[in-house]
Every structure is written in structure tokens, then in C-alpha cells.
Amino acid sequence: MIYVISDVHGRYTEFLRLLKKVRFKETDELYVLGDVVDRGNENLKMLDFCRSRKNVTLLKGNHELFMQRYLEGSPRLRENWRLWGGCTTLWELEPLPMQKKQEYLRFLQELPHYRSLRTGGKDYFLTHSGFSVDIADPVIGQDGRIDIQASVQRFVEMDEWAYLISDDLHFLPASVRFDRYIICGHYPTLEYREEGGIYVTPVFTDIDCGCAWKQPSPHRKMACLCLDTGEVCYQRIR
């Protein structure tokens, strides 16, 4: 089975509970669509889990990029990262020896931004934020649809930061069509659905169900979507 989860944000304990609920096995595949760090209290455990499992692929989200830029020594990022939820990750990271920090840096630098795959007779494009209208014109295929993989590759090469923080996918006209179905996270569904849960459209599915939602809500949860069956399993976040 192929599973996708996004925006865990340091909730490692709840993440393991969710995997237990879906009976995740070594023969299954899991794609984590970015933002495994910040805001929660078990950020490095989440990174270590993704680093150590051959059947788990972490895609880069904006919070992985924040951590990467900090480790690269980006000026002024430290305080900004704190404002963006990085306090807990900084607290875990700073006591570590330089060698360990460099290991994390190399891992973050090499993270992919997307994966394309086919399962259940359907083509999927997995990524963190989905799309950007400001960086460059998208790549249009011969059939008139947007080639999402070529477009995202172009966006990332031109401005990785702008792509990973973009929420433009959620505001595109209904007439926009892509050459494959997009699964993303990044933009919490609690922003536009009071009850939360995954948000399914004809073009994309958003699986960030607000487990790190800034506002108190009984609907904060983490979602795991099985691409083979379409089933969704949730783990509530207290």
C-alpha cells in the first residue's frame, strides 16, 4: 500500500499512533509531504524516522527549508525562524555537536521536492505546496494541460523559497487543469473548513488537517491517505 501524510510538525508520538492505526508495514510505502519539524516537541525524532526508513520518503516543505537555511548560516534567519514556529526545533538542535548538525544539513539539502507515481490506474503528483503563479509561467503540454512536474521543477530552480511557501494552488480558477492529480499539504484545511479533515477537489487533495493549527480547536488532526484505496485515517491532536 502507498500512504501519504503531511505537516506532522514535530508530533512524532501521534504520528506513530497514526501509522499503527493503518497497520503500516515494511512492505508499504509512505510519502511525507514536508513540514515534519517546528511547533511540536519531537522534531528531530521525526527527521530521524524519515532518514532511517527505506520505505519512507520525506519531501521538502518550507519548514525543512527554514532549518536548512539556518544550518547553512543564513544571516538573520534565526529570529525569523523562531517567529515561524522554529523555537522547539532550535532548542533540540543547538546542543548537538557540529558533526550531527552537518548530517542533518546534508539530509535536508538532498530532499526531493516532489514525486510522481501511478497507482490504482491514476497518476499522482505529490508535493508540499502544490503550485505558484508568481515565480514563472507554467509548462503547458501539447494537450493544453499544465505539466505539473516540469512546472514545479522550473519554480524550484528559479525560487525554491517562494515555491515552498506558496498557497496559490488553493486559489486557482476551476478551469485550470493539470496533467496529473496533485496531493499536497502546507495550507491547513481548518483555514476554510471548520470541521477540518482532508479537502478533496477535482484538481487536488489537501491533507494538512491542522495538527499544528495555531488556534485552539477540537478539530485539529493528522491525516493518512491511502492512495490505493482512497481510505483516510485520522489521529486527533489534543
C-alpha atoms as a PDB file:
ATOM      1  CA  MET A   1       0.000   0.000   0.000  1.00  0.00           C
ATOM      2  CA  ILE A   2       1.061   3.585  -0.663  1.00  0.00           C
ATOM      3  CA  TYR A   3       0.298   6.126   2.063  1.00  0.00           C
ATOM      4  CA  VAL A   4       0.718   9.895   2.279  1.00  0.00           C
ATOM      5  CA  ILE A   5       0.916  12.116   5.376  1.00  0.00           C
ATOM      6  CA  SER A   6       1.800  15.802   5.594  1.00  0.00           C
ATOM      7  CA  ASP A   7       2.601  18.563   8.091  1.00  0.00           C
ATOM      8  CA  VAL A   8       3.401  16.429  11.131  1.00  0.00           C
ATOM      9  CA  HIS A   9       5.210  19.383  12.772  1.00  0.00           C
ATOM     10  CA  GLY A  10       7.076  17.506  15.474  1.00  0.00           C
ATOM     11  CA  ARG A  11       4.115  15.382  16.623  1.00  0.00           C
ATOM     12  CA  TYR A  12       6.152  12.174  16.492  1.00  0.00           C
ATOM     13  CA  THR A  13       4.123  10.289  19.116  1.00  0.00           C
ATOM     14  CA  GLU A  14       0.831  10.994  17.334  1.00  0.00           C
ATOM     15  CA  PHE A  15       2.492  10.161  14.013  1.00  0.00           C
ATOM     16  CA  LEU A  16       3.423   6.683  15.292  1.00  0.00           C
ATOM     17  CA  ARG A  17      -0.115   6.182  16.579  1.00  0.00           C
ATOM     18  CA  LEU A  18      -1.461   7.018  13.134  1.00  0.00           C
ATOM     19  CA  LEU A  19       0.884   4.549  11.446  1.00  0.00           C
ATOM     20  CA  LYS A  20      -0.256   1.914  13.928  1.00  0.00           C
ATOM     21  CA  LYS A  21      -3.887   2.645  13.064  1.00  0.00           C
ATOM     22  CA  VAL A  22      -3.291   1.999   9.358  1.00  0.00           C
ATOM     23  CA  ARG A  23      -1.109  -1.046  10.157  1.00  0.00           C
ATOM     24  CA  PHE A  24       1.843   0.366   8.238  1.00  0.00           C
ATOM     25  CA  LYS A  25       4.300  -2.399   7.281  1.00  0.00           C
ATOM     26  CA  GLU A  26       7.800  -2.687   5.840  1.00  0.00           C
ATOM     27  CA  THR A  27       6.259  -3.713   2.518  1.00  0.00           C
ATOM     28  CA  ASP A  28       4.211  -0.491   2.361  1.00  0.00           C
ATOM     29  CA  GLU A  29       5.438   2.891   1.137  1.00  0.00           C
ATOM     30  CA  LEU A  30       4.965   6.197   2.929  1.00  0.00           C
ATOM     31  CA  TYR A  31       5.436   9.658   1.455  1.00  0.00           C
ATOM     32  CA  VAL A  32       5.597  12.505   3.959  1.00  0.00           C
ATOM     33  CA  LEU A  33       4.836  15.741   2.138  1.00  0.00           C
ATOM     34  CA  GLY A  34       7.008  18.099   4.158  1.00  0.00           C
ATOM     35  CA  ASP A  35       6.929  20.117   7.375  1.00  0.00           C
ATOM     36  CA  VAL A  36       7.878  17.391   9.828  1.00  0.00           C
ATOM     37  CA  VAL A  37       9.698  19.941  12.044  1.00  0.00           C
ATOM     38  CA  ASP A  38       8.740  23.023  14.109  1.00  0.00           C
ATOM     39  CA  ARG A  39       5.915  23.792  16.544  1.00  0.00           C
ATOM     40  CA  GLY A  40       5.918  20.311  18.116  1.00  0.00           C
ATOM     41  CA  ASN A  41       8.342  18.847  20.636  1.00  0.00           C
ATOM     42  CA  GLU A  42       9.762  15.805  18.823  1.00  0.00           C
ATOM     43  CA  ASN A  43      11.165  17.355  15.687  1.00  0.00           C
ATOM     44  CA  LEU A  44      14.479  15.525  15.388  1.00  0.00           C
ATOM     45  CA  LYS A  45      12.783  12.206  16.107  1.00  0.00           C
ATOM     46  CA  MET A  46      10.606  12.855  13.067  1.00  0.00           C
ATOM     47  CA  LEU A  47      13.638  13.636  10.921  1.00  0.00           C
ATOM     48  CA  ASP A  48      15.474  10.559  12.204  1.00  0.00           C
ATOM     49  CA  PHE A  49      12.490   8.355  11.426  1.00  0.00           C
ATOM     50  CA  CYS A  50      12.385   9.606   7.836  1.00  0.00           C
ATOM     51  CA  ARG A  51      16.160   9.269   7.481  1.00  0.00           C
ATOM     52  CA  SER A  52      16.273   5.702   8.746  1.00  0.00           C
ATOM     53  CA  ARG A  53      13.383   4.035   6.895  1.00  0.00           C
ATOM     54  CA  LYS A  54      13.948   2.798   3.353  1.00  0.00           C
ATOM     55  CA  ASN A  55      10.213   2.705   2.664  1.00  0.00           C
ATOM     56  CA  VAL A  56       9.664   6.307   3.821  1.00  0.00           C
ATOM     57  CA  THR A  57      10.287   9.327   1.568  1.00  0.00           C
ATOM     58  CA  LEU A  58      10.259  12.831   3.005  1.00  0.00           C
ATOM     59  CA  LEU A  59       9.579  15.636   0.546  1.00  0.00           C
ATOM     60  CA  LYS A  60      10.890  19.099   1.380  1.00  0.00           C
ATOM     61  CA  GLY A  61       8.498  21.590   2.921  1.00  0.00           C
ATOM     62  CA  ASN A  62       9.085  25.202   3.824  1.00  0.00           C
ATOM     63  CA  HIS A  63       9.945  24.316   7.430  1.00  0.00           C
ATOM     64  CA  GLU A  64      12.657  21.899   6.292  1.00  0.00           C
ATOM     65  CA  LEU A  65      13.981  24.758   4.166  1.00  0.00           C
ATOM     66  CA  PHE A  66      13.952  27.112   7.175  1.00  0.00           C
ATOM     67  CA  MET A  67      16.022  24.593   9.127  1.00  0.00           C
ATOM     68  CA  GLN A  68      18.360  24.051   6.191  1.00  0.00           C
ATOM     69  CA  ARG A  69      18.990  27.766   5.709  1.00  0.00           C
ATOM     70  CA  TYR A  70      19.656  28.182   9.435  1.00  0.00           C
ATOM     71  CA  LEU A  71      22.220  25.355   9.389  1.00  0.00           C
ATOM     72  CA  GLU A  72      23.797  26.916   6.320  1.00  0.00           C
ATOM     73  CA  GLY A  73      24.367  30.065   8.363  1.00  0.00           C
ATOM     74  CA  SER A  74      21.827  32.290   6.656  1.00  0.00           C
ATOM     75  CA  PRO A  75      22.020  35.741   8.301  1.00  0.00           C
ATOM     76  CA  ARG A  76      19.017  36.883  10.348  1.00  0.00           C
ATOM     77  CA  LEU A  77      17.147  33.605   9.805  1.00  0.00           C
ATOM     78  CA  ARG A  78      17.408  32.551  13.454  1.00  0.00           C
ATOM     79  CA  GLU A  79      14.950  35.151  14.768  1.00  0.00           C
ATOM     80  CA  ASN A  80      12.623  34.790  11.799  1.00  0.00           C
ATOM     81  CA  TRP A  81      12.608  31.026  12.229  1.00  0.00           C
ATOM     82  CA  ARG A  82      11.543  31.477  15.837  1.00  0.00           C
ATOM     83  CA  LEU A  83       8.606  33.587  14.676  1.00  0.00           C
ATOM     84  CA  TRP A  84       7.649  30.874  12.166  1.00  0.00           C
ATOM     85  CA  GLY A  85       7.492  28.153  14.828  1.00  0.00           C
ATOM     86  CA  GLY A  86      11.111  27.016  14.937  1.00  0.00           C
ATOM     87  CA  CYS A  87      11.712  27.546  18.679  1.00  0.00           C
ATOM     88  CA  THR A  88      11.303  23.895  19.613  1.00  0.00           C
ATOM     89  CA  THR A  89      13.488  22.657  16.757  1.00  0.00           C
ATOM     90  CA  LEU A  90      16.192  25.178  17.693  1.00  0.00           C
ATOM     91  CA  TRP A  91      16.029  24.006  21.305  1.00  0.00           C
ATOM     92  CA  GLU A  92      16.657  20.401  20.179  1.00  0.00           C
ATOM     93  CA  LEU A  93      19.250  21.324  17.577  1.00  0.00           C
ATOM     94  CA  GLU A  94      21.567  23.765  19.319  1.00  0.00           C
ATOM     95  CA  PRO A  95      23.154  21.384  21.898  1.00  0.00           C
ATOM     96  CA  LEU A  96      24.174  18.916  19.171  1.00  0.00           C
ATOM     97  CA  PRO A  97      27.794  18.570  18.044  1.00  0.00           C
ATOM     98  CA  MET A  98      28.678  20.145  14.713  1.00  0.00           C
ATOM     99  CA  GLN A  99      29.066  16.749  13.037  1.00  0.00           C
ATOM    100  CA  LYS A 100      25.457  15.859  13.831  1.00  0.00           C
ATOM    101  CA  LYS A 101      24.241  19.236  12.596  1.00  0.00           C
ATOM    102  CA  GLN A 102      26.109  18.680   9.351  1.00  0.00           C
ATOM    103  CA  GLU A 103      24.415  15.292   8.936  1.00  0.00           C
ATOM    104  CA  TYR A 104      21.012  16.950   9.220  1.00  0.00           C
ATOM    105  CA  LEU A 105      22.084  19.690   6.817  1.00  0.00           C
ATOM    106  CA  ARG A 106      23.149  17.220   4.135  1.00  0.00           C
ATOM    107  CA  PHE A 107      19.895  15.315   4.539  1.00  0.00           C
ATOM    108  CA  LEU A 108      17.813  18.484   4.179  1.00  0.00           C
ATOM    109  CA  GLN A 109      19.780  19.743   1.190  1.00  0.00           C
ATOM    110  CA  GLU A 110      19.165  16.498  -0.681  1.00  0.00           C
ATOM    111  CA  LEU A 111      15.426  16.228  -0.020  1.00  0.00           C
ATOM    112  CA  PRO A 112      13.284  15.977  -3.158  1.00  0.00           C
ATOM    113  CA  HIS A 113      10.519  18.496  -3.785  1.00  0.00           C
ATOM    114  CA  TYR A 114       8.091  16.106  -5.438  1.00  0.00           C
ATOM    115  CA  ARG A 115       7.345  12.572  -6.529  1.00  0.00           C
ATOM    116  CA  SER A 116       5.265  11.391  -9.455  1.00  0.00           C
ATOM    117  CA  LEU A 117       3.729   7.944  -9.287  1.00  0.00           C
ATOM    118  CA  ARG A 118       0.939   5.829 -10.672  1.00  0.00           C
ATOM    119  CA  THR A 119      -1.245   3.539  -8.626  1.00  0.00           C
ATOM    120  CA  GLY A 120      -4.789   2.262  -8.935  1.00  0.00           C
ATOM    121  CA  GLY A 121      -4.873   3.380 -12.569  1.00  0.00           C
ATOM    122  CA  LYS A 122      -4.348   7.040 -11.640  1.00  0.00           C
ATOM    123  CA  ASP A 123      -1.356   9.378 -11.986  1.00  0.00           C
ATOM    124  CA  TYR A 124      -0.441  11.353  -8.861  1.00  0.00           C
ATOM    125  CA  PHE A 125       1.912  14.242  -8.191  1.00  0.00           C
ATOM    126  CA  LEU A 126       2.996  14.523  -4.560  1.00  0.00           C
ATOM    127  CA  THR A 127       4.483  17.771  -3.288  1.00  0.00           C
ATOM    128  CA  HIS A 128       4.291  20.172  -0.356  1.00  0.00           C
ATOM    129  CA  SER A 129       2.708  23.416  -1.522  1.00  0.00           C
ATOM    130  CA  GLY A 130       1.458  22.486  -4.980  1.00  0.00           C
ATOM    131  CA  PHE A 131       1.832  25.434  -7.325  1.00  0.00           C
ATOM    132  CA  SER A 132       2.906  29.065  -7.656  1.00  0.00           C
ATOM    133  CA  VAL A 133       1.613  31.740 -10.007  1.00  0.00           C
ATOM    134  CA  ASP A 134       4.281  34.363  -9.263  1.00  0.00           C
ATOM    135  CA  ILE A 135       7.620  32.676  -9.978  1.00  0.00           C
ATOM    136  CA  ALA A 136       7.328  31.807 -13.665  1.00  0.00           C
ATOM    137  CA  ASP A 137       4.858  30.719 -16.316  1.00  0.00           C
ATOM    138  CA  PRO A 138       3.917  27.054 -16.009  1.00  0.00           C
ATOM    139  CA  VAL A 139       4.899  24.481 -18.607  1.00  0.00           C
ATOM    140  CA  ILE A 140       1.946  23.640 -20.848  1.00  0.00           C
ATOM    141  CA  GLY A 141       1.722  20.239 -22.509  1.00  0.00           C
ATOM    142  CA  GLN A 142       0.532  19.529 -26.042  1.00  0.00           C
ATOM    143  CA  ASP A 143      -2.922  18.704 -24.719  1.00  0.00           C
ATOM    144  CA  GLY A 144      -3.222  22.173 -23.158  1.00  0.00           C
ATOM    145  CA  ARG A 145      -2.925  20.952 -19.592  1.00  0.00           C
ATOM    146  CA  ILE A 146      -0.241  22.147 -17.175  1.00  0.00           C
ATOM    147  CA  ASP A 147       2.700  19.765 -16.898  1.00  0.00           C
ATOM    148  CA  ILE A 148       2.887  19.952 -13.123  1.00  0.00           C
ATOM    149  CA  GLN A 149       6.221  18.164 -12.707  1.00  0.00           C
ATOM    150  CA  ALA A 150       8.034  20.318 -15.281  1.00  0.00           C
ATOM    151  CA  SER A 151       6.390  23.427 -13.846  1.00  0.00           C
ATOM    152  CA  VAL A 152       7.368  22.696 -10.247  1.00  0.00           C
ATOM    153  CA  GLN A 153      10.898  21.849 -11.331  1.00  0.00           C
ATOM    154  CA  ARG A 154      11.049  25.267 -13.026  1.00  0.00           C
ATOM    155  CA  PHE A 155       9.658  27.011  -9.934  1.00  0.00           C
ATOM    156  CA  VAL A 156      12.146  25.319  -7.607  1.00  0.00           C
ATOM    157  CA  GLU A 157      15.124  26.100  -9.811  1.00  0.00           C
ATOM    158  CA  MET A 158      14.140  29.760 -10.011  1.00  0.00           C
ATOM    159  CA  ASP A 159      12.996  30.373  -6.408  1.00  0.00           C
ATOM    160  CA  GLU A 160      12.793  27.407  -4.042  1.00  0.00           C
ATOM    161  CA  TRP A 161      11.706  29.579  -1.121  1.00  0.00           C
ATOM    162  CA  ALA A 162       8.819  31.213  -2.995  1.00  0.00           C
ATOM    163  CA  TYR A 163       7.567  27.851  -4.228  1.00  0.00           C
ATOM    164  CA  LEU A 164       7.572  26.174  -0.816  1.00  0.00           C
ATOM    165  CA  ILE A 165       5.690  28.988   0.936  1.00  0.00           C
ATOM    166  CA  SER A 166       3.095  29.399  -1.839  1.00  0.00           C
ATOM    167  CA  ASP A 167      -0.555  28.555  -1.229  1.00  0.00           C
ATOM    168  CA  ASP A 168      -1.645  29.546  -4.735  1.00  0.00           C
ATOM    169  CA  LEU A 169      -2.960  26.098  -5.645  1.00  0.00           C
ATOM    170  CA  HIS A 170      -5.956  26.706  -3.389  1.00  0.00           C
ATOM    171  CA  PHE A 171      -6.999  29.874  -5.217  1.00  0.00           C
ATOM    172  CA  LEU A 172      -6.685  28.914  -8.878  1.00  0.00           C
ATOM    173  CA  PRO A 173      -9.745  29.176 -11.146  1.00  0.00           C
ATOM    174  CA  ALA A 174     -11.741  25.976 -11.530  1.00  0.00           C
ATOM    175  CA  SER A 175     -10.894  25.968 -15.230  1.00  0.00           C
ATOM    176  CA  VAL A 176      -7.177  25.265 -14.594  1.00  0.00           C
ATOM    177  CA  ARG A 177      -6.235  21.684 -15.443  1.00  0.00           C
ATOM    178  CA  PHE A 178      -3.100  19.681 -14.706  1.00  0.00           C
ATOM    179  CA  ASP A 179      -1.732  16.565 -16.357  1.00  0.00           C
ATOM    180  CA  ARG A 180      -1.988  14.562 -13.143  1.00  0.00           C
ATOM    181  CA  TYR A 181      -3.756  14.694  -9.810  1.00  0.00           C
ATOM    182  CA  ILE A 182      -1.991  16.653  -7.059  1.00  0.00           C
ATOM    183  CA  ILE A 183      -1.694  15.617  -3.403  1.00  0.00           C
ATOM    184  CA  CYS A 184      -0.347  18.402  -1.207  1.00  0.00           C
ATOM    185  CA  GLY A 185      -0.222  19.767   2.318  1.00  0.00           C
ATOM    186  CA  HIS A 186       1.048  23.134   3.567  1.00  0.00           C
ATOM    187  CA  TYR A 187      -2.262  25.015   3.732  1.00  0.00           C
ATOM    188  CA  PRO A 188      -4.290  23.806   6.771  1.00  0.00           C
ATOM    189  CA  THR A 189      -7.795  22.808   5.817  1.00  0.00           C
ATOM    190  CA  LEU A 190      -9.009  24.429   9.049  1.00  0.00           C
ATOM    191  CA  GLU A 191      -8.450  27.724   7.219  1.00  0.00           C
ATOM    192  CA  TYR A 192     -11.576  27.064   5.168  1.00  0.00           C
ATOM    193  CA  ARG A 193     -13.347  24.082   6.759  1.00  0.00           C
ATOM    194  CA  GLU A 194     -14.371  24.498  10.396  1.00  0.00           C
ATOM    195  CA  GLU A 195     -14.537  20.741  10.940  1.00  0.00           C
ATOM    196  CA  GLY A 196     -11.153  20.116   9.285  1.00  0.00           C
ATOM    197  CA  GLY A 197     -10.360  16.846   7.554  1.00  0.00           C
ATOM    198  CA  ILE A 198      -8.806  16.385   4.128  1.00  0.00           C
ATOM    199  CA  TYR A 199     -10.061  18.644   1.360  1.00  0.00           C
ATOM    200  CA  VAL A 200     -10.804  16.957  -1.977  1.00  0.00           C
ATOM    201  CA  THR A 201     -11.249  18.828  -5.258  1.00  0.00           C
ATOM    202  CA  PRO A 202     -11.221  17.666  -8.896  1.00  0.00           C
ATOM    203  CA  VAL A 203      -7.664  19.006  -9.206  1.00  0.00           C
ATOM    204  CA  PHE A 204      -6.002  18.349  -5.845  1.00  0.00           C
ATOM    205  CA  THR A 205      -6.400  16.945  -2.358  1.00  0.00           C
ATOM    206  CA  ASP A 206      -5.015  18.857   0.624  1.00  0.00           C
ATOM    207  CA  ILE A 207      -4.101  16.525   3.511  1.00  0.00           C
ATOM    208  CA  ASP A 208      -2.813  19.136   6.002  1.00  0.00           C
ATOM    209  CA  CYS A 209      -5.567  18.847   8.597  1.00  0.00           C
ATOM    210  CA  GLY A 210      -4.118  21.368  11.005  1.00  0.00           C
ATOM    211  CA  CYS A 211      -2.335  19.219  13.555  1.00  0.00           C
ATOM    212  CA  ALA A 212      -0.157  22.303  14.265  1.00  0.00           C
ATOM    213  CA  TRP A 213      -3.031  24.760  13.942  1.00  0.00           C
ATOM    214  CA  LYS A 214      -2.218  27.931  15.879  1.00  0.00           C
ATOM    215  CA  GLN A 215      -5.738  28.367  17.245  1.00  0.00           C
ATOM    216  CA  PRO A 216      -7.318  26.059  19.850  1.00  0.00           C
ATOM    217  CA  SER A 217      -9.653  23.698  18.029  1.00  0.00           C
ATOM    218  CA  PRO A 218     -11.218  20.313  18.771  1.00  0.00           C
ATOM    219  CA  HIS A 219     -10.845  19.543  15.063  1.00  0.00           C
ATOM    220  CA  ARG A 220      -7.046  19.559  14.867  1.00  0.00           C
ATOM    221  CA  LYS A 221      -5.906  16.232  13.462  1.00  0.00           C
ATOM    222  CA  MET A 222      -3.305  14.408  11.377  1.00  0.00           C
ATOM    223  CA  ALA A 223      -4.421  12.525   8.279  1.00  0.00           C
ATOM    224  CA  CYS A 224      -3.083   9.480   6.492  1.00  0.00           C
ATOM    225  CA  LEU A 225      -4.436   8.864   2.986  1.00  0.00           C
ATOM    226  CA  CYS A 226      -4.042   5.514   1.250  1.00  0.00           C
ATOM    227  CA  LEU A 227      -3.660   6.159  -2.485  1.00  0.00           C
ATOM    228  CA  ASP A 228      -4.521   2.577  -3.398  1.00  0.00           C
ATOM    229  CA  THR A 229      -7.902   2.524  -1.665  1.00  0.00           C
ATOM    230  CA  GLY A 230      -8.764   6.187  -1.111  1.00  0.00           C
ATOM    231  CA  GLU A 231      -9.309   5.490   2.589  1.00  0.00           C
ATOM    232  CA  VAL A 232      -8.413   8.178   5.125  1.00  0.00           C
ATOM    233  CA  CYS A 233      -7.429   7.583   8.733  1.00  0.00           C
ATOM    234  CA  TYR A 234      -7.162  10.389  11.305  1.00  0.00           C
ATOM    235  CA  GLN A 235      -5.305  10.929  14.555  1.00  0.00           C
ATOM    236  CA  ARG A 236      -6.738  13.680  16.718  1.00  0.00           C
ATOM    237  CA  ILE A 237      -4.327  16.171  18.262  1.00  0.00           C
ATOM    238  CA  ARG A 238      -5.067  17.401  21.773  1.00  0.00           C
END
